[in-house]
Protein backbone atom coordinates (compact mmCIF):
# COMPACT_ATOMS: atom_id res chain seq x y z
CA UNK A 1 52.30 -3.07 -22.94
CA UNK A 2 52.93 0.30 -24.52
CA UNK A 3 50.04 2.70 -24.63
CA UNK A 4 49.09 5.87 -26.41
CA UNK A 5 49.56 9.19 -24.65
CA UNK A 6 45.75 9.37 -24.48
CA UNK A 7 45.56 6.21 -22.36
CA UNK A 8 48.67 7.14 -20.40
CA UNK A 9 47.09 10.46 -19.47
CA UNK A 10 44.03 8.64 -18.13
CA UNK A 11 46.11 6.00 -16.31
CA UNK A 12 48.54 8.44 -14.66
CA UNK A 13 47.81 10.09 -11.31
CA UNK A 14 44.87 7.79 -10.55
CA UNK A 15 42.03 8.56 -10.08
CA UNK A 16 42.42 12.29 -10.66
CA UNK A 17 43.38 12.36 -14.35
CA UNK A 18 40.66 9.86 -15.14
CA UNK A 19 38.10 12.03 -13.37
CA UNK A 20 39.42 15.31 -14.75
CA UNK A 21 39.95 14.27 -18.40
CA UNK A 22 37.36 11.54 -18.88
CA UNK A 23 34.62 11.37 -16.26
CA UNK A 24 33.71 15.07 -16.09
CA UNK A 25 33.72 15.76 -19.86
CA UNK A 26 31.96 12.50 -20.69
CA UNK A 27 29.33 12.97 -17.97
CA UNK A 28 28.60 16.46 -19.29
CA UNK A 29 28.50 15.27 -22.90
CA UNK A 30 26.36 12.21 -22.18
CA UNK A 31 23.92 14.31 -20.15
CA UNK A 32 23.81 16.74 -23.05
CA UNK A 33 23.07 13.86 -25.45
CA UNK A 34 20.30 12.52 -23.21
CA UNK A 35 18.55 15.87 -23.01
CA UNK A 36 19.16 16.48 -26.73
CA UNK A 37 17.18 13.37 -27.67
CA UNK A 38 14.06 14.65 -25.96
CA UNK A 39 14.49 18.22 -27.15
CA UNK A 40 14.92 17.24 -30.80
CA UNK A 41 12.15 14.63 -30.67
CA UNK A 42 9.71 17.13 -29.16
CA UNK A 43 11.18 20.12 -31.03
CA UNK A 44 11.37 22.00 -27.73
CA UNK A 45 12.72 25.51 -27.81
CA UNK A 46 11.61 26.44 -24.29
CA UNK A 47 11.01 24.78 -20.95
CA UNK A 48 12.94 23.22 -18.08
CA UNK A 49 14.60 20.49 -20.12
CA UNK A 50 15.77 23.02 -22.71
CA UNK A 51 17.18 25.16 -19.88
CA UNK A 52 19.09 22.17 -18.49
CA UNK A 53 20.37 21.37 -21.99
CA UNK A 54 21.56 24.96 -22.38
CA UNK A 55 23.43 24.91 -19.06
CA UNK A 56 24.99 21.54 -19.91
CA UNK A 57 26.09 22.83 -23.33
CA UNK A 58 27.73 25.90 -21.87
CA UNK A 59 29.36 23.92 -19.03
CA UNK A 60 30.70 21.24 -21.40
CA UNK A 61 32.11 23.80 -23.83
CA UNK A 62 33.72 25.96 -21.17
CA UNK A 63 35.11 22.98 -19.21
CA UNK A 64 36.55 21.25 -22.27
CA UNK A 65 38.03 24.46 -23.67
CA UNK A 66 39.76 25.63 -20.51
CA UNK A 67 40.23 22.58 -18.28
CA UNK A 68 41.11 20.11 -21.02
CA UNK A 69 42.09 21.63 -24.37
CA UNK A 70 44.11 24.69 -23.33
CA UNK A 71 45.66 22.93 -20.37
CA UNK A 72 46.89 19.98 -22.46
CA UNK A 73 47.80 22.13 -25.44
CA UNK A 74 50.26 24.15 -23.40
CA UNK A 75 51.47 21.57 -20.88
CA UNK A 76 51.42 18.11 -22.47
CA UNK A 77 51.51 18.55 -26.25
CA UNK A 78 54.79 20.50 -26.54
CA UNK A 79 56.81 17.66 -24.99
CA UNK A 80 55.18 14.68 -26.71
CA UNK A 81 57.29 12.20 -28.62
CA UNK A 82 54.65 10.52 -30.78
CA UNK A 83 54.30 6.74 -30.49
CA UNK A 84 53.23 6.13 -34.10
CA UNK A 85 50.39 7.67 -36.05
CA UNK A 86 47.84 5.90 -33.84
CA UNK A 87 49.01 7.95 -30.86
CA UNK A 88 48.76 11.15 -32.91
CA UNK A 89 45.22 10.31 -34.06
CA UNK A 90 44.09 9.42 -30.52
CA UNK A 91 45.42 12.59 -28.91
CA UNK A 92 44.34 15.03 -31.61
CA UNK A 93 40.90 13.45 -31.99
CA UNK A 94 40.40 13.96 -28.26
CA UNK A 95 41.59 17.56 -28.43
CA UNK A 96 39.48 18.29 -31.53
CA UNK A 97 36.45 17.78 -29.30
CA UNK A 98 36.97 21.43 -28.39
CA UNK A 99 35.63 22.58 -31.76
CA UNK A 100 32.09 21.19 -31.44
CA UNK A 101 31.84 21.67 -27.66
CA UNK A 102 33.06 25.27 -27.79
CA UNK A 103 30.68 25.75 -30.73
CA UNK A 104 27.77 24.52 -28.63
CA UNK A 105 28.73 26.86 -25.79
CA UNK A 106 29.01 29.81 -28.18
CA UNK A 107 25.67 28.88 -29.74
CA UNK A 108 24.01 28.72 -26.33
CA UNK A 109 25.56 32.05 -25.31
CA UNK A 110 24.24 33.69 -28.47
CA UNK A 111 27.69 34.46 -29.88
CA UNK A 112 27.18 32.45 -33.09
CA UNK A 113 24.12 31.81 -35.28
CA UNK A 114 22.38 34.97 -34.09
CA UNK A 115 20.38 35.37 -37.27
CA UNK A 116 19.15 31.78 -37.27
CA UNK A 117 15.68 30.72 -36.21
CA UNK A 118 15.06 28.15 -33.46
CA UNK A 119 14.84 25.26 -35.92
CA UNK A 120 18.18 26.13 -37.54
CA UNK A 121 19.84 26.54 -34.15
CA UNK A 122 18.46 23.16 -33.05
CA UNK A 123 19.93 21.54 -36.19
CA UNK A 124 23.31 23.20 -35.65
CA UNK A 125 23.32 22.13 -31.98
CA UNK A 126 22.53 18.55 -33.02
CA UNK A 127 25.24 18.51 -35.70
CA UNK A 128 27.86 19.90 -33.32
CA UNK A 129 26.96 17.33 -30.69
CA UNK A 130 27.17 14.55 -33.29
CA UNK A 131 30.61 15.76 -34.40
CA UNK A 132 31.77 15.71 -30.78
CA UNK A 133 30.55 12.14 -30.34
CA UNK A 134 32.41 11.07 -33.48
CA UNK A 135 35.77 12.63 -32.55
CA UNK A 136 35.46 11.41 -28.95
CA UNK A 137 34.84 7.85 -30.08
CA UNK A 138 37.69 7.99 -32.59
CA UNK A 139 39.94 9.13 -29.73
CA UNK A 140 38.76 6.30 -27.50
CA UNK A 141 39.17 3.60 -30.15
CA UNK A 142 42.61 4.72 -31.33
CA UNK A 143 43.62 5.50 -27.76
CA UNK A 144 43.18 1.84 -26.82
CA UNK A 145 45.47 0.55 -29.58
CA UNK A 146 48.95 -0.53 -28.51
CA UNK A 147 51.26 1.66 -30.66
CA UNK A 148 53.90 -1.07 -30.52
CA UNK A 149 51.67 -3.33 -32.64
CA UNK A 150 51.31 -0.62 -35.28
CA UNK A 151 55.07 0.01 -35.27
CA UNK A 152 55.78 -3.71 -35.70
CA UNK A 153 53.22 -4.02 -38.49
CA UNK A 154 54.79 -1.06 -40.29
CA UNK A 155 58.22 -2.74 -40.26
CA UNK A 156 56.81 -6.09 -41.38
CA UNK A 157 57.26 -7.84 -38.04
CA UNK A 158 53.91 -9.41 -37.29
CA UNK A 159 55.48 -11.63 -34.62
CA UNK A 160 53.48 -14.85 -34.50
CA UNK A 161 50.41 -13.73 -36.39
């Protein structure tokens, strides 16, 4: 079976690529989501859980920006021969995760939204996290599609369907 570059990246160099590109970023993001639920529900702007959330947000943004996005942008992306539009969507959806995660890190570091009150910052944090979850799930869904099926469908060869 053919696979998207997204899945190939995760399947190559087992288990290291899987850990490096999936486990670490997803563990950070899911931990961030878990703490976010309690913070938003309780409208917490201070306390231990908020401190953990802040550290997770900074760690996720920094890790994804430098260990994932920049590394792949300059090493993997230049040599890619796209395996249909599905491959393109999977890879770029994954890489677009840098926008909301870097945004969260910058928000937590006080670089952006300086003039906003705690409520507005909480809303922005929540929106950025939601955007990350959307692009990450788009990447996962499209990443699991066999590009060969899409190529065959585009040429009219449904082969037995």
